[in-house]
Amino acid sequence: MVERIRPSEESTVIETPPVRGRPFQSGNPGRPPGSKNKLTRFLEELMENEGEEIIRKVVDVAKEGNLRALLYCTDRLIPQRRGRPLEIELPPINHAQDIAPAIAAITNGLNNGNLTPEEASDLTALLEGYGRAITTNDLAIRLEQLEAQMKQMKALNGEEGNNP
């Protein structure tokens, strides 16, 4: 004979999710902004007291051929090329047509290895923005000239229309 399973008569307990909000009690703002945790303070103190000796050791191990120490030295101790003055001569840019030769000069600098791809990209974006500014300025001047001509034509037509 097969017995049927009866539903349990135990009450189902529904747990309410914890209320989200500030993790501190009222009146406790938590750690002040900019304060450092214990590990950061410990490491800074260690580097202040023995940092020079530690760096010397890393450099010595790198000189012995340890690849990880060598990579650390090149990645951390030697700053990356950022924000340096670029040695590239661009032609003068006075009109939108002058931008194409300037971009050609940037491409040549990239091909010669004088510029990194990031530097070339940044310079090209700068020139494109400058070109848009020149074009916008030229269009504004032309629009003002056209509006002035329209006013003159209306004034002339208005004067002619009033004469019998």
C-alpha atoms as a PDB file:
ATOM      1  CA  MET A   1       0.000   0.000   0.000  1.00  0.00           C
ATOM      2  CA  VAL A   2       1.279   3.465  -0.948  1.00  0.00           C
ATOM      3  CA  GLU A   3       1.134   6.140   1.665  1.00  0.00           C
ATOM      4  CA  ARG A   4       0.425   9.625   0.658  1.00  0.00           C
ATOM      5  CA  ILE A   5       2.479  12.443   1.998  1.00  0.00           C
ATOM      6  CA  ARG A   6       0.394  14.926   3.862  1.00  0.00           C
ATOM      7  CA  PRO A   7       1.303  18.580   3.868  1.00  0.00           C
ATOM      8  CA  SER A   8       2.975  19.553   7.080  1.00  0.00           C
ATOM      9  CA  GLU A   9       0.982  21.530   9.477  1.00  0.00           C
ATOM     10  CA  GLU A  10       3.966  23.581  10.555  1.00  0.00           C
ATOM     11  CA  SER A  11       3.604  27.283   9.975  1.00  0.00           C
ATOM     12  CA  THR A  12       5.813  28.744   7.294  1.00  0.00           C
ATOM     13  CA  VAL A  13       8.163  31.423   8.593  1.00  0.00           C
ATOM     14  CA  ILE A  14       8.828  34.248   6.171  1.00  0.00           C
ATOM     15  CA  GLU A  15      11.986  36.097   6.980  1.00  0.00           C
ATOM     16  CA  THR A  16      11.929  39.775   6.264  1.00  0.00           C
ATOM     17  CA  PRO A  17      14.983  41.043   4.436  1.00  0.00           C
ATOM     18  CA  PRO A  18      17.271  43.313   6.414  1.00  0.00           C
ATOM     19  CA  VAL A  19      16.543  46.977   6.032  1.00  0.00           C
ATOM     20  CA  ARG A  20      19.066  48.705   3.806  1.00  0.00           C
ATOM     21  CA  GLY A  21      20.477  51.989   4.875  1.00  0.00           C
ATOM     22  CA  ARG A  22      23.331  53.409   6.820  1.00  0.00           C
ATOM     23  CA  PRO A  23      25.420  50.743   8.519  1.00  0.00           C
ATOM     24  CA  PHE A  24      25.975  52.923  11.554  1.00  0.00           C
ATOM     25  CA  GLN A  25      23.774  53.839  14.434  1.00  0.00           C
ATOM     26  CA  SER A  26      22.169  57.216  14.458  1.00  0.00           C
ATOM     27  CA  GLY A  27      24.699  59.889  15.347  1.00  0.00           C
ATOM     28  CA  ASN A  28      27.731  57.794  14.283  1.00  0.00           C
ATOM     29  CA  PRO A  29      28.978  59.120  10.937  1.00  0.00           C
ATOM     30  CA  GLY A  30      31.597  56.367  10.493  1.00  0.00           C
ATOM     31  CA  ARG A  31      35.204  56.877   9.515  1.00  0.00           C
ATOM     32  CA  PRO A  32      36.000  60.430   8.374  1.00  0.00           C
ATOM     33  CA  PRO A  33      36.605  60.890   4.647  1.00  0.00           C
ATOM     34  CA  GLY A  34      40.265  60.600   3.729  1.00  0.00           C
ATOM     35  CA  SER A  35      41.249  58.663   6.834  1.00  0.00           C
ATOM     36  CA  LYS A  36      43.369  55.569   6.296  1.00  0.00           C
ATOM     37  CA  ASN A  37      42.858  52.072   7.593  1.00  0.00           C
ATOM     38  CA  LYS A  38      45.360  50.325   9.875  1.00  0.00           C
ATOM     39  CA  LEU A  39      47.102  48.366   7.099  1.00  0.00           C
ATOM     40  CA  THR A  40      47.684  51.473   4.985  1.00  0.00           C
ATOM     41  CA  ARG A  41      49.091  53.357   7.966  1.00  0.00           C
ATOM     42  CA  PHE A  42      51.368  50.402   8.805  1.00  0.00           C
ATOM     43  CA  LEU A  43      52.685  50.134   5.229  1.00  0.00           C
ATOM     44  CA  GLU A  44      53.306  53.876   5.024  1.00  0.00           C
ATOM     45  CA  GLU A  45      55.222  53.755   8.302  1.00  0.00           C
ATOM     46  CA  LEU A  46      57.253  50.782   7.070  1.00  0.00           C
ATOM     47  CA  MET A  47      58.149  52.588   3.837  1.00  0.00           C
ATOM     48  CA  GLU A  48      59.025  55.731   5.766  1.00  0.00           C
ATOM     49  CA  ASN A  49      61.438  53.878   8.031  1.00  0.00           C
ATOM     50  CA  GLU A  50      62.865  51.237   5.699  1.00  0.00           C
ATOM     51  CA  GLY A  51      61.627  52.132   2.238  1.00  0.00           C
ATOM     52  CA  GLU A  52      65.017  53.101   0.859  1.00  0.00           C
ATOM     53  CA  GLU A  53      66.551  49.804   1.952  1.00  0.00           C
ATOM     54  CA  ILE A  54      63.651  47.813   0.484  1.00  0.00           C
ATOM     55  CA  ILE A  55      63.876  49.614  -2.850  1.00  0.00           C
ATOM     56  CA  ARG A  56      67.661  49.072  -2.953  1.00  0.00           C
ATOM     57  CA  LYS A  57      67.105  45.357  -2.405  1.00  0.00           C
ATOM     58  CA  VAL A  58      64.507  45.171  -5.202  1.00  0.00           C
ATOM     59  CA  VAL A  59      66.897  46.975  -7.570  1.00  0.00           C
ATOM     60  CA  ASP A  60      69.771  44.632  -6.601  1.00  0.00           C
ATOM     61  CA  VAL A  61      67.616  41.549  -7.195  1.00  0.00           C
ATOM     62  CA  ALA A  62      66.505  42.987 -10.533  1.00  0.00           C
ATOM     63  CA  LYS A  63      70.171  43.498 -11.515  1.00  0.00           C
ATOM     64  CA  GLU A  64      70.800  39.835 -10.725  1.00  0.00           C
ATOM     65  CA  GLY A  65      68.215  38.879 -13.344  1.00  0.00           C
ATOM     66  CA  ASN A  66      65.017  38.370 -11.369  1.00  0.00           C
ATOM     67  CA  LEU A  67      62.358  39.053 -13.987  1.00  0.00           C
ATOM     68  CA  ARG A  68      59.602  39.983 -11.531  1.00  0.00           C
ATOM     69  CA  ALA A  69      61.824  42.490  -9.748  1.00  0.00           C
ATOM     70  CA  LEU A  70      62.910  43.891 -13.108  1.00  0.00           C
ATOM     71  CA  LEU A  71      59.290  44.307 -14.214  1.00  0.00           C
ATOM     72  CA  TYR A  72      58.472  45.929 -10.890  1.00  0.00           C
ATOM     73  CA  CYS A  73      61.320  48.389 -11.335  1.00  0.00           C
ATOM     74  CA  THR A  74      60.304  49.327 -14.860  1.00  0.00           C
ATOM     75  CA  ASP A  75      56.589  49.530 -14.049  1.00  0.00           C
ATOM     76  CA  ARG A  76      56.739  51.286 -10.686  1.00  0.00           C
ATOM     77  CA  LEU A  77      60.013  53.123 -10.369  1.00  0.00           C
ATOM     78  CA  ILE A  78      60.328  54.536 -13.888  1.00  0.00           C
ATOM     79  CA  PRO A  79      57.423  56.870 -14.630  1.00  0.00           C
ATOM     80  CA  GLN A  80      55.433  56.295 -17.795  1.00  0.00           C
ATOM     81  CA  ARG A  81      55.536  58.869 -20.570  1.00  0.00           C
ATOM     82  CA  ARG A  82      52.605  61.105 -19.784  1.00  0.00           C
ATOM     83  CA  GLY A  83      52.204  64.787 -20.252  1.00  0.00           C
ATOM     84  CA  ARG A  84      55.639  65.324 -21.687  1.00  0.00           C
ATOM     85  CA  PRO A  85      56.302  68.041 -24.265  1.00  0.00           C
ATOM     86  CA  LEU A  86      56.054  66.584 -27.742  1.00  0.00           C
ATOM     87  CA  GLU A  87      58.780  67.219 -30.258  1.00  0.00           C
ATOM     88  CA  ILE A  88      56.697  67.449 -33.398  1.00  0.00           C
ATOM     89  CA  GLU A  89      56.446  70.381 -35.742  1.00  0.00           C
ATOM     90  CA  LEU A  90      52.967  71.030 -37.049  1.00  0.00           C
ATOM     91  CA  PRO A  91      52.186  73.444 -39.869  1.00  0.00           C
ATOM     92  CA  PRO A  92      50.346  76.634 -38.900  1.00  0.00           C
ATOM     93  CA  ILE A  93      46.587  76.128 -38.709  1.00  0.00           C
ATOM     94  CA  ASN A  94      44.509  79.144 -39.674  1.00  0.00           C
ATOM     95  CA  HIS A  95      41.752  77.518 -41.696  1.00  0.00           C
ATOM     96  CA  ALA A  96      39.958  74.182 -41.698  1.00  0.00           C
ATOM     97  CA  GLN A  97      41.948  73.163 -44.796  1.00  0.00           C
ATOM     98  CA  ASP A  98      45.181  73.371 -42.767  1.00  0.00           C
ATOM     99  CA  ILE A  99      44.140  70.476 -40.518  1.00  0.00           C
ATOM    100  CA  ALA A 100      44.751  67.691 -43.062  1.00  0.00           C
ATOM    101  CA  PRO A 101      48.492  68.506 -43.421  1.00  0.00           C
ATOM    102  CA  ALA A 102      48.776  68.700 -39.631  1.00  0.00           C
ATOM    103  CA  ILE A 103      47.219  65.249 -39.257  1.00  0.00           C
ATOM    104  CA  ALA A 104      49.635  63.982 -41.921  1.00  0.00           C
ATOM    105  CA  ALA A 105      52.525  65.327 -39.808  1.00  0.00           C
ATOM    106  CA  ILE A 106      51.129  63.500 -36.771  1.00  0.00           C
ATOM    107  CA  THR A 107      50.879  60.273 -38.775  1.00  0.00           C
ATOM    108  CA  ASN A 108      54.507  60.662 -39.870  1.00  0.00           C
ATOM    109  CA  GLY A 109      55.543  61.207 -36.245  1.00  0.00           C
ATOM    110  CA  LEU A 110      53.712  58.045 -35.275  1.00  0.00           C
ATOM    111  CA  ASN A 111      55.343  56.070 -38.098  1.00  0.00           C
ATOM    112  CA  ASN A 112      58.815  57.350 -37.131  1.00  0.00           C
ATOM    113  CA  GLY A 113      58.311  56.396 -33.487  1.00  0.00           C
ATOM    114  CA  ASN A 114      58.429  59.972 -32.227  1.00  0.00           C
ATOM    115  CA  LEU A 115      54.838  59.702 -30.954  1.00  0.00           C
ATOM    116  CA  THR A 116      52.995  56.934 -29.155  1.00  0.00           C
ATOM    117  CA  PRO A 117      49.588  55.870 -30.509  1.00  0.00           C
ATOM    118  CA  GLU A 118      47.928  57.551 -27.514  1.00  0.00           C
ATOM    119  CA  GLU A 119      49.756  60.828 -28.145  1.00  0.00           C
ATOM    120  CA  ALA A 120      48.846  60.722 -31.844  1.00  0.00           C
ATOM    121  CA  SER A 121      45.214  60.010 -30.971  1.00  0.00           C
ATOM    122  CA  ASP A 122      45.114  62.879 -28.469  1.00  0.00           C
ATOM    123  CA  LEU A 123      46.680  65.307 -30.959  1.00  0.00           C
ATOM    124  CA  THR A 124      44.290  64.235 -33.709  1.00  0.00           C
ATOM    125  CA  ALA A 125      41.294  64.721 -31.406  1.00  0.00           C
ATOM    126  CA  LEU A 126      42.647  68.163 -30.473  1.00  0.00           C
ATOM    127  CA  LEU A 127      42.962  69.128 -34.139  1.00  0.00           C
ATOM    128  CA  GLU A 128      39.472  67.838 -34.915  1.00  0.00           C
ATOM    129  CA  GLY A 129      38.043  69.970 -32.113  1.00  0.00           C
ATOM    130  CA  TYR A 130      40.045  72.955 -33.322  1.00  0.00           C
ATOM    131  CA  GLY A 131      38.719  72.367 -36.837  1.00  0.00           C
ATOM    132  CA  ARG A 132      35.145  72.339 -35.561  1.00  0.00           C
ATOM    133  CA  ALA A 133      35.791  75.594 -33.708  1.00  0.00           C
ATOM    134  CA  ILE A 134      37.230  77.219 -36.851  1.00  0.00           C
ATOM    135  CA  THR A 135      34.298  75.997 -38.938  1.00  0.00           C
ATOM    136  CA  THR A 136      31.762  77.211 -36.388  1.00  0.00           C
ATOM    137  CA  ASN A 137      33.455  80.607 -36.222  1.00  0.00           C
ATOM    138  CA  ASP A 138      33.542  80.884 -40.032  1.00  0.00           C
ATOM    139  CA  LEU A 139      29.863  79.955 -40.270  1.00  0.00           C
ATOM    140  CA  ALA A 140      28.929  82.525 -37.626  1.00  0.00           C
ATOM    141  CA  ILE A 141      30.804  85.262 -39.530  1.00  0.00           C
ATOM    142  CA  ARG A 142      29.179  84.276 -42.824  1.00  0.00           C
ATOM    143  CA  LEU A 143      25.743  84.212 -41.193  1.00  0.00           C
ATOM    144  CA  GLU A 144      26.245  87.710 -39.773  1.00  0.00           C
ATOM    145  CA  GLN A 145      27.311  88.947 -43.218  1.00  0.00           C
ATOM    146  CA  LEU A 146      24.247  87.388 -44.847  1.00  0.00           C
ATOM    147  CA  GLU A 147      21.946  88.897 -42.228  1.00  0.00           C
ATOM    148  CA  ALA A 148      23.524  92.325 -42.776  1.00  0.00           C
ATOM    149  CA  GLN A 149      23.017  91.952 -46.551  1.00  0.00           C
ATOM    150  CA  MET A 150      19.386  90.922 -45.999  1.00  0.00           C
ATOM    151  CA  LYS A 151      18.793  94.014 -43.846  1.00  0.00           C
ATOM    152  CA  GLN A 152      20.308  96.217 -46.545  1.00  0.00           C
ATOM    153  CA  MET A 153      18.141  94.609 -49.235  1.00  0.00           C
ATOM    154  CA  LYS A 154      15.013  94.993 -47.115  1.00  0.00           C
ATOM    155  CA  ALA A 155      15.881  98.632 -46.450  1.00  0.00           C
ATOM    156  CA  LEU A 156      16.384  99.278 -50.156  1.00  0.00           C
ATOM    157  CA  ASN A 157      13.185  97.432 -51.091  1.00  0.00           C
ATOM    158  CA  GLY A 158      11.287  99.241 -48.360  1.00  0.00           C
ATOM    159  CA  GLU A 159      12.505 102.647 -49.579  1.00  0.00           C
ATOM    160  CA  GLU A 160      11.673 101.824 -53.185  1.00  0.00           C
ATOM    161  CA  GLY A 161       8.214 100.579 -52.218  1.00  0.00           C
ATOM    162  CA  ASN A 162       7.393 103.831 -50.392  1.00  0.00           C
ATOM    163  CA  ASN A 163       8.308 106.070 -53.370  1.00  0.00           C
ATOM    164  CA  PRO A 164       5.388 106.742 -55.800  1.00  0.00           C
END
